[in-house]
Amino acid sequence: MTPQTLPARKHPVKRDRHLDFVRLGTRFERATAYATEMHREQARKASPVPYLAHLLGVASLVLEYGGSEDQAIAGLLHDTIEDCPGDQAGQIRRRFGNHVLAMVEACTDSHAGGGRKAPWKGRKQLYVDHLAALGPGHPALLVSACDKLNNARAIRTDLRRIGLPLWGRFSAPAPEQLWYYRSLVAAFSRSLGGEVTGELRRTVHDIARLDRALRVSSAEGNPEGRAR
């Protein structure tokens, strides 16, 4: 038999698994394949790391913080409308339904489809205001918070590794980035709360503290502003 005709393997149900276990089915598999197809050639900013690492990381965090299969699928696809050309909204609706599409659209701060985006500060302010308008309980809030947490953790890791030159990768300098992440923490604290918001708050605090320490180190004679 060819791989295409092999029957699906039936896995035994573990009787001791948690009652709230989220079983990921073929829709999640299709979403992973679609995200791979759409983002295959993309990388994280100034990095050899495939952008898919971020998308998989967001989906993983969604599931770790109690999200559903639909929320995990939205985590995989949350940047597809923003960063990929074509009618991505229509594709997501046809493949995964209106519920997933609504979450992806709620996580999108630009509909440029990989083209030129609006100015950074105004776009980010609109996104923070948009999160507040979603209101408590909206399923996209968890997806968005996991997206921002994954990004913030990457910034913290690279700030430790690279130092202050890291900020040159971004469209706005460190003070603006910190303003944005603090604004996100405030928005999620009002509308979402929970462990993921707490972890995002701690990560942003770490970034700010590390940035200050690196600037002091730079002023004292470490010109590259690298962690010692």
N, C-alpha and C. Protein backbone atom coordinates (compact mmCIF):
# COMPACT_ATOMS: atom_id res chain seq x y z
N MET A 1 0.85 -1.20 0.00
CA MET A 1 0.00 0.00 0.00
C MET A 1 0.88 1.25 0.00
N THR A 2 0.48 2.29 -0.74
CA THR A 2 1.22 3.55 -0.72
C THR A 2 0.86 4.32 0.53
N PRO A 3 1.72 5.32 0.92
CA PRO A 3 1.39 6.11 2.11
C PRO A 3 0.04 6.80 2.02
N GLN A 4 -0.39 7.14 0.78
CA GLN A 4 -1.66 7.84 0.63
C GLN A 4 -2.86 6.93 0.93
N THR A 5 -2.68 5.62 0.83
CA THR A 5 -3.82 4.73 1.01
C THR A 5 -3.79 3.97 2.33
N LEU A 6 -2.78 4.26 3.15
CA LEU A 6 -2.74 3.58 4.45
C LEU A 6 -3.94 4.00 5.29
N PRO A 7 -4.58 3.08 5.96
CA PRO A 7 -5.71 3.45 6.81
C PRO A 7 -5.24 4.26 8.00
N ALA A 8 -6.11 5.14 8.48
CA ALA A 8 -5.77 5.95 9.65
C ALA A 8 -5.56 5.05 10.86
N ARG A 9 -4.50 5.35 11.60
CA ARG A 9 -4.21 4.55 12.79
C ARG A 9 -5.12 4.98 13.94
N LYS A 10 -5.69 4.02 14.60
CA LYS A 10 -6.55 4.31 15.74
C LYS A 10 -5.72 4.24 17.02
N HIS A 11 -5.72 5.34 17.76
CA HIS A 11 -4.96 5.40 19.00
C HIS A 11 -5.89 5.07 20.17
N PRO A 12 -5.44 4.24 21.08
CA PRO A 12 -6.28 3.93 22.24
C PRO A 12 -6.47 5.16 23.12
N VAL A 13 -7.66 5.30 23.65
CA VAL A 13 -7.97 6.41 24.55
C VAL A 13 -7.38 6.12 25.92
N LYS A 14 -6.58 7.05 26.43
CA LYS A 14 -6.00 6.87 27.75
C LYS A 14 -7.04 7.24 28.80
N ARG A 15 -7.35 6.28 29.64
CA ARG A 15 -8.43 6.49 30.61
C ARG A 15 -8.05 7.47 31.71
N ASP A 16 -6.75 7.70 31.91
CA ASP A 16 -6.33 8.57 33.00
C ASP A 16 -6.07 10.01 32.55
N ARG A 17 -6.40 10.33 31.30
CA ARG A 17 -6.12 11.70 30.86
C ARG A 17 -7.15 12.66 31.43
N HIS A 18 -6.77 13.94 31.45
CA HIS A 18 -7.58 14.98 32.08
C HIS A 18 -8.94 15.12 31.39
N LEU A 19 -9.95 15.45 32.18
CA LEU A 19 -11.30 15.59 31.62
C LEU A 19 -11.39 16.72 30.60
N ASP A 20 -10.51 17.73 30.73
CA ASP A 20 -10.54 18.87 29.81
C ASP A 20 -9.55 18.72 28.66
N PHE A 21 -9.03 17.52 28.47
CA PHE A 21 -8.09 17.26 27.38
C PHE A 21 -8.67 17.75 26.05
N VAL A 22 -7.84 18.46 25.28
CA VAL A 22 -8.25 18.98 23.97
C VAL A 22 -7.71 18.04 22.89
N ARG A 23 -8.60 17.33 22.24
CA ARG A 23 -8.19 16.41 21.18
C ARG A 23 -8.06 17.18 19.88
N LEU A 24 -6.87 17.16 19.30
CA LEU A 24 -6.61 17.85 18.04
C LEU A 24 -6.88 16.92 16.87
N GLY A 25 -7.76 17.34 16.00
CA GLY A 25 -8.17 16.47 14.90
C GLY A 25 -7.57 16.87 13.57
N THR A 26 -8.25 16.46 12.51
CA THR A 26 -7.72 16.69 11.16
C THR A 26 -7.76 18.17 10.78
N ARG A 27 -8.65 18.96 11.39
CA ARG A 27 -8.67 20.40 11.09
C ARG A 27 -7.36 21.04 11.54
N PHE A 28 -6.86 20.65 12.71
CA PHE A 28 -5.59 21.18 13.19
C PHE A 28 -4.45 20.74 12.26
N GLU A 29 -4.50 19.50 11.81
CA GLU A 29 -3.48 19.02 10.87
C GLU A 29 -3.50 19.85 9.59
N ARG A 30 -4.70 20.12 9.08
CA ARG A 30 -4.81 20.91 7.85
C ARG A 30 -4.33 22.34 8.07
N ALA A 31 -4.62 22.88 9.25
CA ALA A 31 -4.17 24.24 9.56
C ALA A 31 -2.65 24.31 9.63
N THR A 32 -2.02 23.31 10.21
CA THR A 32 -0.56 23.26 10.27
C THR A 32 0.02 23.21 8.86
N ALA A 33 -0.59 22.38 8.01
CA ALA A 33 -0.12 22.28 6.63
C ALA A 33 -0.32 23.60 5.88
N TYR A 34 -1.45 24.26 6.11
CA TYR A 34 -1.72 25.53 5.41
C TYR A 34 -0.77 26.62 5.89
N ALA A 35 -0.53 26.70 7.20
CA ALA A 35 0.41 27.68 7.73
C ALA A 35 1.81 27.45 7.15
N THR A 36 2.19 26.18 7.04
CA THR A 36 3.49 25.85 6.45
C THR A 36 3.56 26.32 5.00
N GLU A 37 2.50 26.06 4.25
CA GLU A 37 2.46 26.46 2.84
C GLU A 37 2.57 27.98 2.69
N MET A 38 1.85 28.71 3.53
CA MET A 38 1.78 30.17 3.39
C MET A 38 3.03 30.88 3.90
N HIS A 39 3.68 30.34 4.92
CA HIS A 39 4.78 31.05 5.59
C HIS A 39 6.14 30.38 5.38
N ARG A 40 6.20 29.41 4.49
CA ARG A 40 7.41 28.60 4.33
C ARG A 40 8.66 29.43 4.08
N GLU A 41 8.56 30.50 3.30
CA GLU A 41 9.74 31.28 2.91
C GLU A 41 10.01 32.45 3.84
N GLN A 42 9.26 32.58 4.91
CA GLN A 42 9.42 33.72 5.81
C GLN A 42 10.30 33.34 7.01
N ALA A 43 11.04 34.34 7.51
CA ALA A 43 11.90 34.15 8.68
C ALA A 43 11.58 35.21 9.73
N ARG A 44 11.95 34.96 10.97
CA ARG A 44 11.85 35.98 12.00
C ARG A 44 12.81 37.11 11.68
N LYS A 45 12.55 38.30 12.21
CA LYS A 45 13.31 39.50 11.86
C LYS A 45 14.81 39.28 12.03
N ALA A 46 15.56 39.52 10.95
CA ALA A 46 17.03 39.45 10.98
C ALA A 46 17.53 38.17 11.63
N SER A 47 16.89 37.05 11.31
CA SER A 47 17.20 35.79 11.97
C SER A 47 17.08 34.64 10.98
N PRO A 48 17.85 33.58 11.18
CA PRO A 48 17.68 32.39 10.33
C PRO A 48 16.52 31.51 10.77
N VAL A 49 15.86 31.86 11.85
CA VAL A 49 14.78 31.04 12.39
C VAL A 49 13.55 31.13 11.50
N PRO A 50 13.00 30.02 11.03
CA PRO A 50 11.77 30.08 10.22
C PRO A 50 10.63 30.73 10.98
N TYR A 51 9.84 31.53 10.28
CA TYR A 51 8.71 32.18 10.94
C TYR A 51 7.72 31.17 11.49
N LEU A 52 7.71 29.99 10.91
CA LEU A 52 6.82 28.93 11.41
C LEU A 52 7.09 28.61 12.87
N ALA A 53 8.33 28.82 13.34
CA ALA A 53 8.62 28.57 14.75
C ALA A 53 7.74 29.43 15.64
N HIS A 54 7.53 30.67 15.22
CA HIS A 54 6.65 31.57 15.99
C HIS A 54 5.21 31.08 15.96
N LEU A 55 4.72 30.71 14.78
CA LEU A 55 3.32 30.27 14.66
C LEU A 55 3.06 29.01 15.47
N LEU A 56 3.98 28.06 15.41
CA LEU A 56 3.84 26.84 16.20
C LEU A 56 3.94 27.16 17.68
N GLY A 57 4.81 28.11 18.03
CA GLY A 57 4.94 28.50 19.43
C GLY A 57 3.67 29.12 19.98
N VAL A 58 3.01 29.95 19.17
CA VAL A 58 1.76 30.57 19.60
C VAL A 58 0.68 29.51 19.81
N ALA A 59 0.55 28.59 18.85
CA ALA A 59 -0.44 27.52 19.00
C ALA A 59 -0.16 26.69 20.24
N SER A 60 1.11 26.42 20.51
CA SER A 60 1.48 25.67 21.70
C SER A 60 1.07 26.40 22.97
N LEU A 61 1.34 27.70 23.03
CA LEU A 61 0.96 28.48 24.21
C LEU A 61 -0.56 28.52 24.38
N VAL A 62 -1.28 28.67 23.28
CA VAL A 62 -2.75 28.67 23.36
C VAL A 62 -3.25 27.40 24.06
N LEU A 63 -2.70 26.27 23.65
CA LEU A 63 -3.13 25.00 24.24
C LEU A 63 -2.66 24.88 25.69
N GLU A 64 -1.45 25.35 25.98
CA GLU A 64 -0.94 25.28 27.35
C GLU A 64 -1.77 26.13 28.31
N TYR A 65 -2.32 27.23 27.81
CA TYR A 65 -3.11 28.12 28.65
C TYR A 65 -4.62 27.85 28.52
N GLY A 66 -4.98 26.66 28.07
CA GLY A 66 -6.37 26.23 28.13
C GLY A 66 -7.23 26.54 26.94
N GLY A 67 -6.63 26.85 25.81
CA GLY A 67 -7.41 27.18 24.63
C GLY A 67 -8.00 25.96 23.94
N SER A 68 -8.91 26.22 23.02
CA SER A 68 -9.59 25.18 22.26
C SER A 68 -8.83 24.87 20.98
N GLU A 69 -9.30 23.87 20.26
CA GLU A 69 -8.70 23.57 18.96
C GLU A 69 -8.85 24.75 18.01
N ASP A 70 -10.02 25.38 17.98
CA ASP A 70 -10.21 26.53 17.10
C ASP A 70 -9.25 27.66 17.46
N GLN A 71 -9.03 27.90 18.75
CA GLN A 71 -8.09 28.94 19.15
C GLN A 71 -6.66 28.58 18.75
N ALA A 72 -6.31 27.30 18.86
CA ALA A 72 -4.98 26.87 18.43
C ALA A 72 -4.81 27.04 16.92
N ILE A 73 -5.86 26.74 16.16
CA ILE A 73 -5.81 26.94 14.71
C ILE A 73 -5.63 28.43 14.40
N ALA A 74 -6.37 29.28 15.12
CA ALA A 74 -6.20 30.73 14.93
C ALA A 74 -4.78 31.15 15.28
N GLY A 75 -4.17 30.50 16.28
CA GLY A 75 -2.78 30.79 16.61
C GLY A 75 -1.84 30.48 15.45
N LEU A 76 -2.09 29.37 14.78
CA LEU A 76 -1.27 29.01 13.62
C LEU A 76 -1.42 30.00 12.47
N LEU A 77 -2.62 30.56 12.34
CA LEU A 77 -2.95 31.38 11.17
C LEU A 77 -3.05 32.87 11.48
N HIS A 78 -2.66 33.28 12.68
CA HIS A 78 -2.96 34.65 13.11
C HIS A 78 -2.27 35.72 12.27
N ASP A 79 -1.19 35.40 11.58
CA ASP A 79 -0.49 36.38 10.75
C ASP A 79 -0.71 36.17 9.26
N THR A 80 -1.54 35.24 8.89
CA THR A 80 -1.69 34.89 7.47
C THR A 80 -2.32 36.03 6.67
N ILE A 81 -3.36 36.66 7.20
CA ILE A 81 -3.98 37.78 6.50
C ILE A 81 -3.00 38.95 6.39
N GLU A 82 -2.26 39.19 7.48
CA GLU A 82 -1.36 40.33 7.54
C GLU A 82 -0.14 40.17 6.64
N ASP A 83 0.40 38.96 6.54
CA ASP A 83 1.72 38.78 5.94
C ASP A 83 1.73 38.00 4.62
N CYS A 84 0.60 37.51 4.19
CA CYS A 84 0.57 36.68 2.98
C CYS A 84 -0.38 37.28 1.95
N PRO A 85 -0.01 37.23 0.67
CA PRO A 85 -0.85 37.81 -0.37
C PRO A 85 -2.07 36.95 -0.68
N GLY A 86 -2.99 37.55 -1.42
CA GLY A 86 -4.17 36.81 -1.84
C GLY A 86 -5.33 36.96 -0.87
N ASP A 87 -6.42 36.31 -1.20
CA ASP A 87 -7.63 36.37 -0.38
C ASP A 87 -7.51 35.39 0.78
N GLN A 88 -6.68 35.72 1.74
CA GLN A 88 -6.47 34.82 2.87
C GLN A 88 -7.71 34.70 3.74
N ALA A 89 -8.45 35.79 3.90
CA ALA A 89 -9.68 35.72 4.70
C ALA A 89 -10.65 34.72 4.10
N GLY A 90 -10.81 34.75 2.77
CA GLY A 90 -11.70 33.81 2.12
C GLY A 90 -11.21 32.38 2.25
N GLN A 91 -9.91 32.18 2.12
CA GLN A 91 -9.36 30.84 2.27
C GLN A 91 -9.58 30.30 3.69
N ILE A 92 -9.35 31.14 4.68
CA ILE A 92 -9.52 30.69 6.07
C ILE A 92 -10.99 30.38 6.34
N ARG A 93 -11.89 31.20 5.82
CA ARG A 93 -13.32 30.93 6.03
C ARG A 93 -13.72 29.60 5.41
N ARG A 94 -13.27 29.36 4.17
CA ARG A 94 -13.65 28.13 3.49
C ARG A 94 -13.04 26.90 4.14
N ARG A 95 -11.81 27.02 4.60
CA ARG A 95 -11.11 25.85 5.13
C ARG A 95 -11.42 25.57 6.59
N PHE A 96 -11.62 26.66 7.40
CA PHE A 96 -11.69 26.47 8.85
C PHE A 96 -12.89 27.13 9.51
N GLY A 97 -13.70 27.85 8.75
CA GLY A 97 -14.95 28.36 9.27
C GLY A 97 -14.88 29.80 9.78
N ASN A 98 -16.06 30.37 10.00
CA ASN A 98 -16.18 31.77 10.41
C ASN A 98 -15.62 32.03 11.80
N HIS A 99 -15.71 31.05 12.70
CA HIS A 99 -15.23 31.26 14.07
C HIS A 99 -13.72 31.48 14.07
N VAL A 100 -13.00 30.65 13.35
CA VAL A 100 -11.54 30.81 13.25
C VAL A 100 -11.22 32.12 12.55
N LEU A 101 -11.92 32.42 11.46
CA LEU A 101 -11.66 33.65 10.73
C LEU A 101 -11.85 34.87 11.63
N ALA A 102 -12.90 34.88 12.42
CA ALA A 102 -13.15 36.03 13.30
C ALA A 102 -11.99 36.24 14.27
N MET A 103 -11.42 35.16 14.79
CA MET A 103 -10.28 35.29 15.70
C MET A 103 -9.03 35.78 14.98
N VAL A 104 -8.79 35.25 13.78
CA VAL A 104 -7.62 35.69 13.01
C VAL A 104 -7.75 37.17 12.68
N GLU A 105 -8.92 37.60 12.25
CA GLU A 105 -9.12 39.01 11.92
C GLU A 105 -8.95 39.88 13.16
N ALA A 106 -9.38 39.37 14.32
CA ALA A 106 -9.24 40.14 15.56
C ALA A 106 -7.78 40.26 15.98
N CYS A 107 -6.93 39.35 15.53
CA CYS A 107 -5.50 39.39 15.87
C CYS A 107 -4.68 40.15 14.83
N THR A 108 -5.32 40.67 13.80
CA THR A 108 -4.62 41.29 12.68
C THR A 108 -4.60 42.80 12.86
N ASP A 109 -3.39 43.40 12.85
CA ASP A 109 -3.32 44.86 12.97
C ASP A 109 -3.05 45.55 11.63
N SER A 110 -2.96 44.75 10.57
CA SER A 110 -2.79 45.31 9.23
C SER A 110 -3.32 44.31 8.22
N HIS A 111 -4.01 44.82 7.21
CA HIS A 111 -4.50 43.97 6.13
C HIS A 111 -3.69 44.20 4.86
N ALA A 112 -2.38 44.43 5.05
CA ALA A 112 -1.52 44.75 3.92
C ALA A 112 -1.23 43.54 3.05
N GLY A 113 -1.42 42.34 3.57
CA GLY A 113 -1.17 41.13 2.77
C GLY A 113 0.27 41.01 2.33
N GLY A 114 1.20 41.41 3.20
CA GLY A 114 2.62 41.36 2.87
C GLY A 114 3.13 42.63 2.22
N GLY A 115 2.24 43.61 1.96
CA GLY A 115 2.65 44.87 1.36
C GLY A 115 3.00 45.92 2.40
N ARG A 116 3.00 47.19 1.97
CA ARG A 116 3.37 48.28 2.86
C ARG A 116 2.31 48.48 3.94
N LYS A 117 2.75 48.58 5.19
CA LYS A 117 1.84 48.76 6.31
C LYS A 117 1.75 50.23 6.69
N ALA A 118 0.70 50.57 7.44
CA ALA A 118 0.53 51.93 7.94
C ALA A 118 1.63 52.25 8.93
N PRO A 119 1.86 53.53 9.25
CA PRO A 119 2.89 53.90 10.23
C PRO A 119 2.74 53.15 11.55
N TRP A 120 3.89 52.80 12.13
CA TRP A 120 3.94 51.86 13.26
C TRP A 120 3.14 52.34 14.46
N LYS A 121 3.39 53.55 14.96
CA LYS A 121 2.79 53.99 16.22
C LYS A 121 1.27 54.02 16.14
N GLY A 122 0.74 54.62 15.08
CA GLY A 122 -0.71 54.69 14.94
C GLY A 122 -1.34 53.32 14.81
N ARG A 123 -0.67 52.43 14.08
CA ARG A 123 -1.19 51.07 13.90
C ARG A 123 -1.24 50.31 15.22
N LYS A 124 -0.20 50.48 16.03
CA LYS A 124 -0.16 49.77 17.32
C LYS A 124 -1.16 50.35 18.30
N GLN A 125 -1.35 51.66 18.28
CA GLN A 125 -2.35 52.26 19.16
C GLN A 125 -3.75 51.77 18.80
N LEU A 126 -4.03 51.70 17.51
CA LEU A 126 -5.33 51.19 17.07
C LEU A 126 -5.53 49.74 17.51
N TYR A 127 -4.46 48.96 17.49
CA TYR A 127 -4.58 47.56 17.90
C TYR A 127 -4.87 47.45 19.39
N VAL A 128 -4.19 48.25 20.21
CA VAL A 128 -4.46 48.24 21.65
C VAL A 128 -5.90 48.65 21.91
N ASP A 129 -6.38 49.69 21.23
CA ASP A 129 -7.77 50.13 21.39
C ASP A 129 -8.73 49.02 20.93
N HIS A 130 -8.36 48.34 19.88
CA HIS A 130 -9.18 47.24 19.36
C HIS A 130 -9.31 46.11 20.39
N LEU A 131 -8.23 45.79 21.08
CA LEU A 131 -8.29 44.74 22.11
C LEU A 131 -9.28 45.13 23.21
N ALA A 132 -9.25 46.39 23.59
CA ALA A 132 -10.17 46.85 24.62
C ALA A 132 -11.62 46.75 24.15
N ALA A 133 -11.84 47.02 22.86
CA ALA A 133 -13.19 46.98 22.30
C ALA A 133 -13.72 45.56 22.19
N LEU A 134 -12.85 44.56 22.12
CA LEU A 134 -13.32 43.18 22.02
C LEU A 134 -14.13 42.78 23.25
N GLY A 135 -13.72 43.27 24.39
CA GLY A 135 -14.45 42.97 25.62
C GLY A 135 -14.05 41.65 26.23
N PRO A 136 -14.26 41.52 27.54
CA PRO A 136 -13.89 40.28 28.25
C PRO A 136 -14.56 39.06 27.65
N GLY A 137 -13.82 37.97 27.60
CA GLY A 137 -14.38 36.71 27.13
C GLY A 137 -14.25 36.44 25.66
N HIS A 138 -13.79 37.42 24.89
CA HIS A 138 -13.64 37.17 23.44
C HIS A 138 -12.54 36.13 23.24
N PRO A 139 -12.79 35.10 22.42
CA PRO A 139 -11.80 34.03 22.27
C PRO A 139 -10.49 34.47 21.63
N ALA A 140 -10.51 35.58 20.89
CA ALA A 140 -9.27 36.05 20.25
C ALA A 140 -8.29 36.62 21.26
N LEU A 141 -8.74 37.01 22.43
CA LEU A 141 -7.85 37.61 23.42
C LEU A 141 -6.75 36.65 23.84
N LEU A 142 -7.10 35.40 24.05
CA LEU A 142 -6.09 34.42 24.43
C LEU A 142 -5.09 34.22 23.30
N VAL A 143 -5.57 34.15 22.07
CA VAL A 143 -4.67 33.97 20.92
C VAL A 143 -3.71 35.15 20.83
N SER A 144 -4.24 36.35 20.94
CA SER A 144 -3.41 37.54 20.85
C SER A 144 -2.38 37.59 21.98
N ALA A 145 -2.82 37.28 23.20
CA ALA A 145 -1.90 37.31 24.34
C ALA A 145 -0.77 36.29 24.16
N CYS A 146 -1.09 35.14 23.63
CA CYS A 146 -0.05 34.13 23.39
C CYS A 146 0.91 34.57 22.28
N ASP A 147 0.38 35.25 21.28
CA ASP A 147 1.23 35.83 20.24
C ASP A 147 2.21 36.82 20.84
N LYS A 148 1.70 37.74 21.66
CA LYS A 148 2.57 38.76 22.24
C LYS A 148 3.55 38.15 23.25
N LEU A 149 3.13 37.14 23.97
CA LEU A 149 4.04 36.48 24.91
C LEU A 149 5.18 35.80 24.17
N ASN A 150 4.87 35.10 23.09
CA ASN A 150 5.92 34.45 22.31
C ASN A 150 6.91 35.48 21.76
N ASN A 151 6.39 36.61 21.27
CA ASN A 151 7.26 37.66 20.76
C ASN A 151 8.12 38.26 21.87
N ALA A 152 7.49 38.52 23.02
CA ALA A 152 8.22 39.14 24.13
C ALA A 152 9.33 38.21 24.64
N ARG A 153 9.05 36.93 24.70
CA ARG A 153 10.09 35.98 25.12
C ARG A 153 11.26 35.98 24.14
N ALA A 154 10.95 36.08 22.84
CA ALA A 154 12.02 36.12 21.85
C ALA A 154 12.86 37.38 22.01
N ILE A 155 12.21 38.52 22.28
CA ILE A 155 12.95 39.76 22.51
C ILE A 155 13.85 39.62 23.73
N ARG A 156 13.33 39.08 24.81
CA ARG A 156 14.14 38.91 26.03
C ARG A 156 15.35 38.02 25.76
N THR A 157 15.13 36.91 25.07
CA THR A 157 16.23 36.00 24.77
C THR A 157 17.29 36.68 23.91
N ASP A 158 16.86 37.38 22.86
CA ASP A 158 17.82 38.00 21.95
C ASP A 158 18.48 39.22 22.58
N LEU A 159 17.79 39.92 23.48
CA LEU A 159 18.41 41.04 24.17
C LEU A 159 19.55 40.55 25.06
N ARG A 160 19.36 39.40 25.69
CA ARG A 160 20.44 38.81 26.48
C ARG A 160 21.60 38.37 25.59
N ARG A 161 21.29 37.87 24.42
CA ARG A 161 22.31 37.30 23.55
C ARG A 161 23.02 38.35 22.72
N ILE A 162 22.27 39.32 22.19
CA ILE A 162 22.81 40.29 21.25
C ILE A 162 23.10 41.63 21.92
N GLY A 163 22.29 41.98 22.91
CA GLY A 163 22.42 43.29 23.53
C GLY A 163 21.61 44.35 22.82
N LEU A 164 21.96 45.61 23.07
CA LEU A 164 21.18 46.73 22.55
C LEU A 164 21.06 46.77 21.03
N PRO A 165 22.02 46.26 20.26
CA PRO A 165 21.83 46.24 18.80
C PRO A 165 20.57 45.52 18.35
N LEU A 166 20.00 44.70 19.22
CA LEU A 166 18.75 44.01 18.88
C LEU A 166 17.68 44.98 18.40
N TRP A 167 17.59 46.14 19.06
CA TRP A 167 16.48 47.06 18.77
C TRP A 167 16.52 47.57 17.34
N GLY A 168 17.68 47.48 16.70
CA GLY A 168 17.78 47.91 15.31
C GLY A 168 16.98 47.06 14.34
N ARG A 169 16.54 45.89 14.80
CA ARG A 169 15.74 45.02 13.93
C ARG A 169 14.33 45.56 13.72
N PHE A 170 13.87 46.41 14.64
CA PHE A 170 12.45 46.74 14.69
C PHE A 170 12.15 48.08 14.04
N SER A 171 10.88 48.29 13.77
CA SER A 171 10.43 49.51 13.09
C SER A 171 10.34 50.70 14.04
N ALA A 172 10.47 50.47 15.33
CA ALA A 172 10.42 51.54 16.32
C ALA A 172 11.46 51.26 17.39
N PRO A 173 12.00 52.31 18.03
CA PRO A 173 13.07 52.12 19.01
C PRO A 173 12.55 51.51 20.32
N ALA A 174 13.51 51.21 21.20
CA ALA A 174 13.18 50.52 22.45
C ALA A 174 12.08 51.22 23.26
N PRO A 175 12.13 52.54 23.48
CA PRO A 175 11.06 53.17 24.28
C PRO A 175 9.67 52.95 23.71
N GLU A 176 9.56 53.00 22.38
CA GLU A 176 8.26 52.78 21.74
C GLU A 176 7.83 51.32 21.87
N GLN A 177 8.77 50.40 21.72
CA GLN A 177 8.45 48.98 21.88
C GLN A 177 7.96 48.70 23.30
N LEU A 178 8.65 49.29 24.28
CA LEU A 178 8.24 49.07 25.67
C LEU A 178 6.89 49.71 25.94
N TRP A 179 6.63 50.89 25.37
CA TRP A 179 5.29 51.49 25.50
C TRP A 179 4.23 50.52 24.98
N TYR A 180 4.49 49.94 23.81
CA TYR A 180 3.51 49.05 23.20
C TYR A 180 3.25 47.83 24.07
N TYR A 181 4.30 47.19 24.54
CA TYR A 181 4.11 45.98 25.34
C TYR A 181 3.46 46.29 26.69
N ARG A 182 3.78 47.41 27.28
CA ARG A 182 3.11 47.79 28.53
C ARG A 182 1.64 48.09 28.28
N SER A 183 1.34 48.71 27.14
CA SER A 183 -0.06 48.97 26.79
C SER A 183 -0.82 47.67 26.57
N LEU A 184 -0.16 46.69 25.96
CA LEU A 184 -0.78 45.38 25.78
C LEU A 184 -1.07 44.72 27.12
N VAL A 185 -0.11 44.78 28.03
CA VAL A 185 -0.31 44.20 29.36
C VAL A 185 -1.52 44.84 30.03
N ALA A 186 -1.62 46.16 29.94
CA ALA A 186 -2.76 46.85 30.55
C ALA A 186 -4.08 46.41 29.92
N ALA A 187 -4.09 46.28 28.59
CA ALA A 187 -5.32 45.87 27.90
C ALA A 187 -5.71 44.45 28.27
N PHE A 188 -4.75 43.54 28.30
CA PHE A 188 -5.05 42.15 28.66
C PHE A 188 -5.43 42.03 30.13
N SER A 189 -4.86 42.86 30.98
CA SER A 189 -5.21 42.82 32.40
C SER A 189 -6.68 43.16 32.60
N ARG A 190 -7.20 44.08 31.79
CA ARG A 190 -8.60 44.47 31.91
C ARG A 190 -9.55 43.44 31.28
N SER A 191 -9.15 42.85 30.15
CA SER A 191 -10.09 42.03 29.37
C SER A 191 -9.88 40.52 29.49
N LEU A 192 -8.67 40.10 29.89
CA LEU A 192 -8.36 38.67 29.89
C LEU A 192 -7.90 38.18 31.25
N GLY A 193 -6.87 38.79 31.80
CA GLY A 193 -6.33 38.35 33.08
C GLY A 193 -5.70 36.96 32.96
N GLY A 194 -5.62 36.27 34.08
CA GLY A 194 -5.15 34.89 34.08
C GLY A 194 -3.64 34.77 34.02
N GLU A 195 -3.19 33.51 33.95
CA GLU A 195 -1.76 33.22 34.00
C GLU A 195 -1.00 33.78 32.81
N VAL A 196 -1.61 33.74 31.63
CA VAL A 196 -0.88 34.20 30.44
C VAL A 196 -0.60 35.70 30.54
N THR A 197 -1.55 36.47 31.08
CA THR A 197 -1.32 37.90 31.25
C THR A 197 -0.23 38.15 32.28
N GLY A 198 -0.25 37.37 33.36
CA GLY A 198 0.80 37.50 34.36
C GLY A 198 2.17 37.18 33.80
N GLU A 199 2.26 36.16 32.98
CA GLU A 199 3.55 35.79 32.38
C GLU A 199 4.01 36.87 31.40
N LEU A 200 3.08 37.44 30.65
CA LEU A 200 3.45 38.53 29.75
C LEU A 200 3.96 39.73 30.54
N ARG A 201 3.28 40.06 31.64
CA ARG A 201 3.71 41.18 32.48
C ARG A 201 5.13 40.96 33.00
N ARG A 202 5.41 39.76 33.48
CA ARG A 202 6.76 39.47 34.00
C ARG A 202 7.81 39.54 32.89
N THR A 203 7.46 39.06 31.72
CA THR A 203 8.42 39.07 30.61
C THR A 203 8.73 40.50 30.17
N VAL A 204 7.70 41.34 30.09
CA VAL A 204 7.92 42.74 29.71
C VAL A 204 8.75 43.45 30.78
N HIS A 205 8.49 43.15 32.05
CA HIS A 205 9.31 43.71 33.13
C HIS A 205 10.77 43.29 32.97
N ASP A 206 10.99 42.03 32.63
CA ASP A 206 12.36 41.55 32.42
C ASP A 206 13.04 42.30 31.28
N ILE A 207 12.30 42.54 30.20
CA ILE A 207 12.87 43.25 29.05
C ILE A 207 13.28 44.66 29.45
N ALA A 208 12.39 45.36 30.16
CA ALA A 208 12.68 46.74 30.57
C ALA A 208 13.89 46.78 31.51
N ARG A 209 13.94 45.84 32.46
CA ARG A 209 15.05 45.81 33.41
C ARG A 209 16.36 45.50 32.70
N LEU A 210 16.33 44.56 31.77
CA LEU A 210 17.53 44.19 31.03
C LEU A 210 17.99 45.34 30.14
N ASP A 211 17.04 46.03 29.51
CA ASP A 211 17.38 47.16 28.66
C ASP A 211 18.07 48.25 29.49
N ARG A 212 17.54 48.55 30.66
CA ARG A 212 18.18 49.56 31.53
C ARG A 212 19.59 49.14 31.91
N ALA A 213 19.75 47.86 32.30
CA ALA A 213 21.07 47.38 32.71
C ALA A 213 22.07 47.46 31.56
N LEU A 214 21.64 47.14 30.36
CA LEU A 214 22.53 47.20 29.20
C LEU A 214 22.92 48.63 28.88
N ARG A 215 22.02 49.56 29.07
CA ARG A 215 22.34 50.97 28.79
C ARG A 215 23.32 51.51 29.83
N VAL A 216 23.17 51.10 31.08
CA VAL A 216 24.14 51.48 32.10
C VAL A 216 25.51 50.90 31.76
N SER A 217 25.51 49.62 31.36
CA SER A 217 26.75 48.98 30.99
C SER A 217 27.41 49.67 29.81
N SER A 218 26.61 50.09 28.83
CA SER A 218 27.14 50.79 27.67
C SER A 218 27.76 52.12 28.08
N ALA A 219 27.07 52.84 28.97
CA ALA A 219 27.57 54.14 29.43
C ALA A 219 28.87 53.99 30.22
N GLU A 220 29.07 52.82 30.81
CA GLU A 220 30.27 52.58 31.62
C GLU A 220 31.43 52.03 30.80
N GLY A 221 31.24 51.93 29.48
CA GLY A 221 32.36 51.53 28.66
C GLY A 221 32.20 50.24 27.88
N ASN A 222 31.02 49.66 27.90
CA ASN A 222 30.75 48.49 27.06
C ASN A 222 29.99 48.99 25.84
N PRO A 223 30.71 49.42 24.79
CA PRO A 223 30.06 50.17 23.69
C PRO A 223 28.99 49.41 22.96
N GLU A 224 29.03 48.11 22.95
CA GLU A 224 28.02 47.35 22.21
C GLU A 224 26.78 47.10 23.05
N GLY A 225 26.84 47.46 24.33
CA GLY A 225 25.66 47.26 25.17
C GLY A 225 25.26 45.81 25.28
N ARG A 226 26.24 44.93 25.43
CA ARG A 226 25.94 43.49 25.54
C ARG A 226 25.95 43.07 26.98
N ALA A 227 25.15 42.05 27.28
CA ALA A 227 25.14 41.52 28.63
C ALA A 227 26.50 40.89 28.92
N ARG A 228 27.03 41.12 30.14
CA ARG A 228 28.31 40.57 30.51
C ARG A 228 28.14 39.29 31.29
